[in-house]
Amino acid sequence: MNDPTYVHQVINANPVWKLAFLLSEFDNDNAPIGWSKYIPMARCLLDNFNMEPKAPSVARAEKA
């Protein structure tokens, strides 16, 4: 599967894509190339668990 986009604004607008991209980054599987292979796992996680992103903390914001 080809990655649909690398535009973060587009990826972040879709919760499944956002989680898939993050999973790819966590796994560091040549990230971000190939992030779309994580879409099925992201969809399954979001379908089966109540998940939402945490608000950015001051500590995390300072590290960025």
PDB file of N, CA and C in Angstrom:
ATOM      1  N   MET A   1       0.852  -1.171   0.000  1.00  0.00           N
ATOM      2  CA  MET A   1       0.000   0.000   0.000  1.00  0.00           C
ATOM      3  C   MET A   1       0.900   1.237   0.000  1.00  0.00           C
ATOM      4  N   ASN A   2       0.635   2.158  -0.886  1.00  0.00           N
ATOM      5  CA  ASN A   2       1.369   3.412  -0.902  1.00  0.00           C
ATOM      6  C   ASN A   2       0.806   4.337   0.161  1.00  0.00           C
ATOM      7  N   ASP A   3       1.688   5.084   0.802  1.00  0.00           N
ATOM      8  CA  ASP A   3       1.245   6.051   1.797  1.00  0.00           C
ATOM      9  C   ASP A   3       0.404   7.125   1.105  1.00  0.00           C
ATOM     10  N   PRO A   4      -0.786   7.410   1.633  1.00  0.00           N
ATOM     11  CA  PRO A   4      -1.663   8.370   0.975  1.00  0.00           C
ATOM     12  C   PRO A   4      -1.122   9.790   0.965  1.00  0.00           C
ATOM     13  N   THR A   5      -0.337  10.163   1.970  1.00  0.00           N
ATOM     14  CA  THR A   5       0.211  11.514   2.058  1.00  0.00           C
ATOM     15  C   THR A   5       1.270  11.551   3.146  1.00  0.00           C
ATOM     16  N   TYR A   6       2.065  12.591   3.119  1.00  0.00           N
ATOM     17  CA  TYR A   6       3.007  12.868   4.201  1.00  0.00           C
ATOM     18  C   TYR A   6       2.724  14.241   4.803  1.00  0.00           C
ATOM     19  N   VAL A   7       1.617  14.856   4.417  1.00  0.00           N
ATOM     20  CA  VAL A   7       1.239  16.181   4.911  1.00  0.00           C
ATOM     21  C   VAL A   7       0.623  16.005   6.295  1.00  0.00           C
ATOM     22  N   HIS A   8       1.321  16.505   7.311  1.00  0.00           N
ATOM     23  CA  HIS A   8       0.884  16.284   8.702  1.00  0.00           C
ATOM     24  C   HIS A   8      -0.513  16.839   8.967  1.00  0.00           C
ATOM     25  N   GLN A   9      -0.862  17.939   8.381  1.00  0.00           N
ATOM     26  CA  GLN A   9      -2.190  18.520   8.595  1.00  0.00           C
ATOM     27  C   GLN A   9      -3.278  17.567   8.087  1.00  0.00           C
ATOM     28  N   VAL A  10      -3.045  16.922   6.976  1.00  0.00           N
ATOM     29  CA  VAL A  10      -4.006  15.968   6.421  1.00  0.00           C
ATOM     30  C   VAL A  10      -4.044  14.701   7.270  1.00  0.00           C
ATOM     31  N   ILE A  11      -2.884  14.213   7.667  1.00  0.00           N
ATOM     32  CA  ILE A  11      -2.804  13.007   8.502  1.00  0.00           C
ATOM     33  C   ILE A  11      -3.489  13.240   9.844  1.00  0.00           C
ATOM     34  N   ASN A  12      -3.205  14.372  10.474  1.00  0.00           N
ATOM     35  CA  ASN A  12      -3.763  14.661  11.795  1.00  0.00           C
ATOM     36  C   ASN A  12      -5.263  14.904  11.773  1.00  0.00           C
ATOM     37  N   ALA A  13      -5.828  15.202  10.615  1.00  0.00           N
ATOM     38  CA  ALA A  13      -7.272  15.423  10.505  1.00  0.00           C
ATOM     39  C   ALA A  13      -8.051  14.116  10.553  1.00  0.00           C
ATOM     40  N   ASN A  14      -7.384  12.990  10.342  1.00  0.00           N
ATOM     41  CA  ASN A  14      -8.026  11.673  10.331  1.00  0.00           C
ATOM     42  C   ASN A  14      -7.490  10.875  11.522  1.00  0.00           C
ATOM     43  N   PRO A  15      -8.328  10.573  12.520  1.00  0.00           N
ATOM     44  CA  PRO A  15      -7.835   9.867  13.714  1.00  0.00           C
ATOM     45  C   PRO A  15      -7.154   8.532  13.413  1.00  0.00           C
ATOM     46  N   VAL A  16      -7.652   7.790  12.442  1.00  0.00           N
ATOM     47  CA  VAL A  16      -7.039   6.509  12.094  1.00  0.00           C
ATOM     48  C   VAL A  16      -5.659   6.752  11.500  1.00  0.00           C
ATOM     49  N   TRP A  17      -5.559   7.683  10.583  1.00  0.00           N
ATOM     50  CA  TRP A  17      -4.268   7.988   9.966  1.00  0.00           C
ATOM     51  C   TRP A  17      -3.284   8.530  11.006  1.00  0.00           C
ATOM     52  N   LYS A  18      -3.779   9.376  11.891  1.00  0.00           N
ATOM     53  CA  LYS A  18      -2.909   9.955  12.917  1.00  0.00           C
ATOM     54  C   LYS A  18      -2.316   8.863  13.802  1.00  0.00           C
ATOM     55  N   LEU A  19      -3.154   7.921  14.235  1.00  0.00           N
ATOM     56  CA  LEU A  19      -2.660   6.831  15.067  1.00  0.00           C
ATOM     57  C   LEU A  19      -1.716   5.931  14.270  1.00  0.00           C
ATOM     58  N   ALA A  20      -2.044   5.647  13.025  1.00  0.00           N
ATOM     59  CA  ALA A  20      -1.170   4.819  12.183  1.00  0.00           C
ATOM     60  C   ALA A  20       0.199   5.465  12.023  1.00  0.00           C
ATOM     61  N   PHE A  21       0.208   6.759  11.793  1.00  0.00           N
ATOM     62  CA  PHE A  21       1.477   7.478  11.649  1.00  0.00           C
ATOM     63  C   PHE A  21       2.278   7.398  12.943  1.00  0.00           C
ATOM     64  N   LEU A  22       1.603   7.593  14.089  1.00  0.00           N
ATOM     65  CA  LEU A  22       2.288   7.507  15.380  1.00  0.00           C
ATOM     66  C   LEU A  22       2.825   6.104  15.645  1.00  0.00           C
ATOM     67  N   LEU A  23       2.051   5.081  15.311  1.00  0.00           N
ATOM     68  CA  LEU A  23       2.522   3.711  15.487  1.00  0.00           C
ATOM     69  C   LEU A  23       3.778   3.463  14.662  1.00  0.00           C
ATOM     70  N   SER A  24       3.794   3.983  13.454  1.00  0.00           N
ATOM     71  CA  SER A  24       4.973   3.858  12.607  1.00  0.00           C
ATOM     72  C   SER A  24       6.167   4.562  13.245  1.00  0.00           C
ATOM     73  N   GLU A  25       5.935   5.746  13.789  1.00  0.00           N
ATOM     74  CA  GLU A  25       7.005   6.480  14.455  1.00  0.00           C
ATOM     75  C   GLU A  25       7.493   5.720  15.691  1.00  0.00           C
ATOM     76  N   PHE A  26       6.573   5.149  16.475  1.00  0.00           N
ATOM     77  CA  PHE A  26       6.954   4.400  17.674  1.00  0.00           C
ATOM     78  C   PHE A  26       7.812   3.198  17.308  1.00  0.00           C
ATOM     79  N   ASP A  27       7.412   2.508  16.248  1.00  0.00           N
ATOM     80  CA  ASP A  27       8.120   1.314  15.812  1.00  0.00           C
ATOM     81  C   ASP A  27       9.402   1.682  15.064  1.00  0.00           C
ATOM     82  N   ASN A  28       9.488   2.922  14.595  1.00  0.00           N
ATOM     83  CA  ASN A  28      10.623   3.434  13.830  1.00  0.00           C
ATOM     84  C   ASN A  28      10.948   2.517  12.654  1.00  0.00           C
ATOM     85  N   ASP A  29       9.940   2.071  11.999  1.00  0.00           N
ATOM     86  CA  ASP A  29      10.050   1.164  10.865  1.00  0.00           C
ATOM     87  C   ASP A  29      10.294   1.983   9.591  1.00  0.00           C
ATOM     88  N   ASN A  30      11.479   2.558   9.485  1.00  0.00           N
ATOM     89  CA  ASN A  30      11.821   3.472   8.395  1.00  0.00           C
ATOM     90  C   ASN A  30      10.855   4.642   8.326  1.00  0.00           C
ATOM     91  N   ALA A  31      10.332   5.016   9.490  1.00  0.00           N
ATOM     92  CA  ALA A  31       9.333   6.083   9.574  1.00  0.00           C
ATOM     93  C   ALA A  31       9.853   7.344   8.914  1.00  0.00           C
ATOM     94  N   PRO A  32       9.022   8.084   8.235  1.00  0.00           N
ATOM     95  CA  PRO A  32       7.596   7.861   8.053  1.00  0.00           C
ATOM     96  C   PRO A  32       7.242   7.011   6.839  1.00  0.00           C
ATOM     97  N   ILE A  33       8.232   6.580   6.062  1.00  0.00           N
ATOM     98  CA  ILE A  33       7.923   5.776   4.878  1.00  0.00           C
ATOM     99  C   ILE A  33       7.259   4.478   5.312  1.00  0.00           C
ATOM    100  N   GLY A  34       6.121   4.170   4.711  1.00  0.00           N
ATOM    101  CA  GLY A  34       5.400   2.939   5.008  1.00  0.00           C
ATOM    102  C   GLY A  34       4.423   3.047   6.155  1.00  0.00           C
ATOM    103  N   TRP A  35       4.140   4.261   6.601  1.00  0.00           N
ATOM    104  CA  TRP A  35       3.242   4.428   7.754  1.00  0.00           C
ATOM    105  C   TRP A  35       1.860   3.859   7.499  1.00  0.00           C
ATOM    106  N   SER A  36       1.430   3.804   6.244  1.00  0.00           N
ATOM    107  CA  SER A  36       0.065   3.350   5.954  1.00  0.00           C
ATOM    108  C   SER A  36      -0.143   1.863   6.240  1.00  0.00           C
ATOM    109  N   LYS A  37       0.930   1.096   6.373  1.00  0.00           N
ATOM    110  CA  LYS A  37       0.742  -0.323   6.714  1.00  0.00           C
ATOM    111  C   LYS A  37       0.214  -0.489   8.137  1.00  0.00           C
ATOM    112  N   TYR A  38       0.240   0.586   8.925  1.00  0.00           N
ATOM    113  CA  TYR A  38      -0.287   0.566  10.282  1.00  0.00           C
ATOM    114  C   TYR A  38      -1.759   0.978  10.351  1.00  0.00           C
ATOM    115  N   ILE A  39      -2.353   1.333   9.228  1.00  0.00           N
ATOM    116  CA  ILE A  39      -3.756   1.755   9.211  1.00  0.00           C
ATOM    117  C   ILE A  39      -4.687   0.658   9.730  1.00  0.00           C
ATOM    118  N   PRO A  40      -4.575  -0.596   9.287  1.00  0.00           N
ATOM    119  CA  PRO A  40      -5.480  -1.627   9.824  1.00  0.00           C
ATOM    120  C   PRO A  40      -5.358  -1.791  11.344  1.00  0.00           C
ATOM    121  N   MET A  41      -4.148  -1.740  11.876  1.00  0.00           N
ATOM    122  CA  MET A  41      -3.968  -1.866  13.318  1.00  0.00           C
ATOM    123  C   MET A  41      -4.576  -0.661  14.034  1.00  0.00           C
ATOM    124  N   ALA A  42      -4.370   0.520  13.497  1.00  0.00           N
ATOM    125  CA  ALA A  42      -4.939   1.729  14.101  1.00  0.00           C
ATOM    126  C   ALA A  42      -6.459   1.674  14.099  1.00  0.00           C
ATOM    127  N   ARG A  43      -7.032   1.236  12.977  1.00  0.00           N
ATOM    128  CA  ARG A  43      -8.495   1.124  12.875  1.00  0.00           C
ATOM    129  C   ARG A  43      -9.021   0.128  13.909  1.00  0.00           C
ATOM    130  N   CYS A  44      -8.343  -0.997  14.056  1.00  0.00           N
ATOM    131  CA  CYS A  44      -8.752  -2.022  15.027  1.00  0.00           C
ATOM    132  C   CYS A  44      -8.673  -1.477  16.450  1.00  0.00           C
ATOM    133  N   LEU A  45      -7.602  -0.791  16.784  1.00  0.00           N
ATOM    134  CA  LEU A  45      -7.464  -0.224  18.122  1.00  0.00           C
ATOM    135  C   LEU A  45      -8.561   0.787  18.406  1.00  0.00           C
ATOM    136  N   LEU A  46      -8.823   1.673  17.458  1.00  0.00           N
ATOM    137  CA  LEU A  46      -9.845   2.696  17.671  1.00  0.00           C
ATOM    138  C   LEU A  46     -11.255   2.115  17.697  1.00  0.00           C
ATOM    139  N   ASP A  47     -11.463   1.004  16.992  1.00  0.00           N
ATOM    140  CA  ASP A  47     -12.772   0.347  17.004  1.00  0.00           C
ATOM    141  C   ASP A  47     -13.046  -0.397  18.306  1.00  0.00           C
ATOM    142  N   ASN A  48     -11.980  -0.782  19.003  1.00  0.00           N
ATOM    143  CA  ASN A  48     -12.144  -1.636  20.175  1.00  0.00           C
ATOM    144  C   ASN A  48     -11.803  -0.990  21.513  1.00  0.00           C
ATOM    145  N   PHE A  49     -11.214   0.190  21.486  1.00  0.00           N
ATOM    146  CA  PHE A  49     -10.827   0.862  22.722  1.00  0.00           C
ATOM    147  C   PHE A  49     -11.228   2.328  22.658  1.00  0.00           C
ATOM    148  N   ASN A  50     -11.570   2.878  23.807  1.00  0.00           N
ATOM    149  CA  ASN A  50     -11.815   4.311  23.900  1.00  0.00           C
ATOM    150  C   ASN A  50     -10.459   4.993  24.038  1.00  0.00           C
ATOM    151  N   MET A  51     -10.067   5.681  22.987  1.00  0.00           N
ATOM    152  CA  MET A  51      -8.759   6.322  22.974  1.00  0.00           C
ATOM    153  C   MET A  51      -8.902   7.749  22.479  1.00  0.00           C
ATOM    154  N   GLU A  52      -8.191   8.647  23.111  1.00  0.00           N
ATOM    155  CA  GLU A  52      -8.113  10.008  22.617  1.00  0.00           C
ATOM    156  C   GLU A  52      -6.761  10.571  23.024  1.00  0.00           C
ATOM    157  N   PRO A  53      -6.233  11.481  22.221  1.00  0.00           N
ATOM    158  CA  PRO A  53      -4.909  12.014  22.538  1.00  0.00           C
ATOM    159  C   PRO A  53      -4.925  12.854  23.811  1.00  0.00           C
ATOM    160  N   LYS A  54      -3.829  12.824  24.497  1.00  0.00           N
ATOM    161  CA  LYS A  54      -3.675  13.660  25.675  1.00  0.00           C
ATOM    162  C   LYS A  54      -3.415  15.095  25.239  1.00  0.00           C
ATOM    163  N   ALA A  55      -3.840  16.032  26.083  1.00  0.00           N
ATOM    164  CA  ALA A  55      -3.513  17.431  25.821  1.00  0.00           C
ATOM    165  C   ALA A  55      -2.013  17.597  26.018  1.00  0.00           C
ATOM    166  N   PRO A  56      -1.382  18.443  25.216  1.00  0.00           N
ATOM    167  CA  PRO A  56       0.067  18.634  25.394  1.00  0.00           C
ATOM    168  C   PRO A  56       0.373  19.171  26.790  1.00  0.00           C
ATOM    169  N   SER A  57       1.325  18.559  27.442  1.00  0.00           N
ATOM    170  CA  SER A  57       1.731  19.026  28.765  1.00  0.00           C
ATOM    171  C   SER A  57       2.808  20.085  28.614  1.00  0.00           C
ATOM    172  N   VAL A  58       3.008  20.857  29.642  1.00  0.00           N
ATOM    173  CA  VAL A  58       4.047  21.889  29.609  1.00  0.00           C
ATOM    174  C   VAL A  58       5.403  21.244  29.436  1.00  0.00           C
ATOM    175  N   ALA A  59       5.648  20.141  30.147  1.00  0.00           N
ATOM    176  CA  ALA A  59       6.941  19.464  30.071  1.00  0.00           C
ATOM    177  C   ALA A  59       7.223  18.966  28.656  1.00  0.00           C
ATOM    178  N   ARG A  60       6.211  18.348  28.005  1.00  0.00           N
ATOM    179  CA  ARG A  60       6.404  17.864  26.641  1.00  0.00           C
ATOM    180  C   ARG A  60       6.581  19.025  25.673  1.00  0.00           C
ATOM    181  N   ALA A  61       5.880  20.110  25.891  1.00  0.00           N
ATOM    182  CA  ALA A  61       5.980  21.280  25.016  1.00  0.00           C
ATOM    183  C   ALA A  61       7.371  21.900  25.120  1.00  0.00           C
ATOM    184  N   GLU A  62       7.950  21.891  26.315  1.00  0.00           N
ATOM    185  CA  GLU A  62       9.278  22.462  26.508  1.00  0.00           C
ATOM    186  C   GLU A  62      10.363  21.628  25.840  1.00  0.00           C
ATOM    187  N   LYS A  63      10.159  20.306  25.734  1.00  0.00           N
ATOM    188  CA  LYS A  63      11.130  19.436  25.092  1.00  0.00           C
ATOM    189  C   LYS A  63      11.151  19.627  23.585  1.00  0.00           C
ATOM    190  N   ALA A  64      10.039  20.035  23.011  1.00  0.00           N
ATOM    191  CA  ALA A  64       9.942  20.155  21.558  1.00  0.00           C
ATOM    192  C   ALA A  64      10.728  21.291  20.987  1.00  0.00           C
TER     193      ALA A  64
END
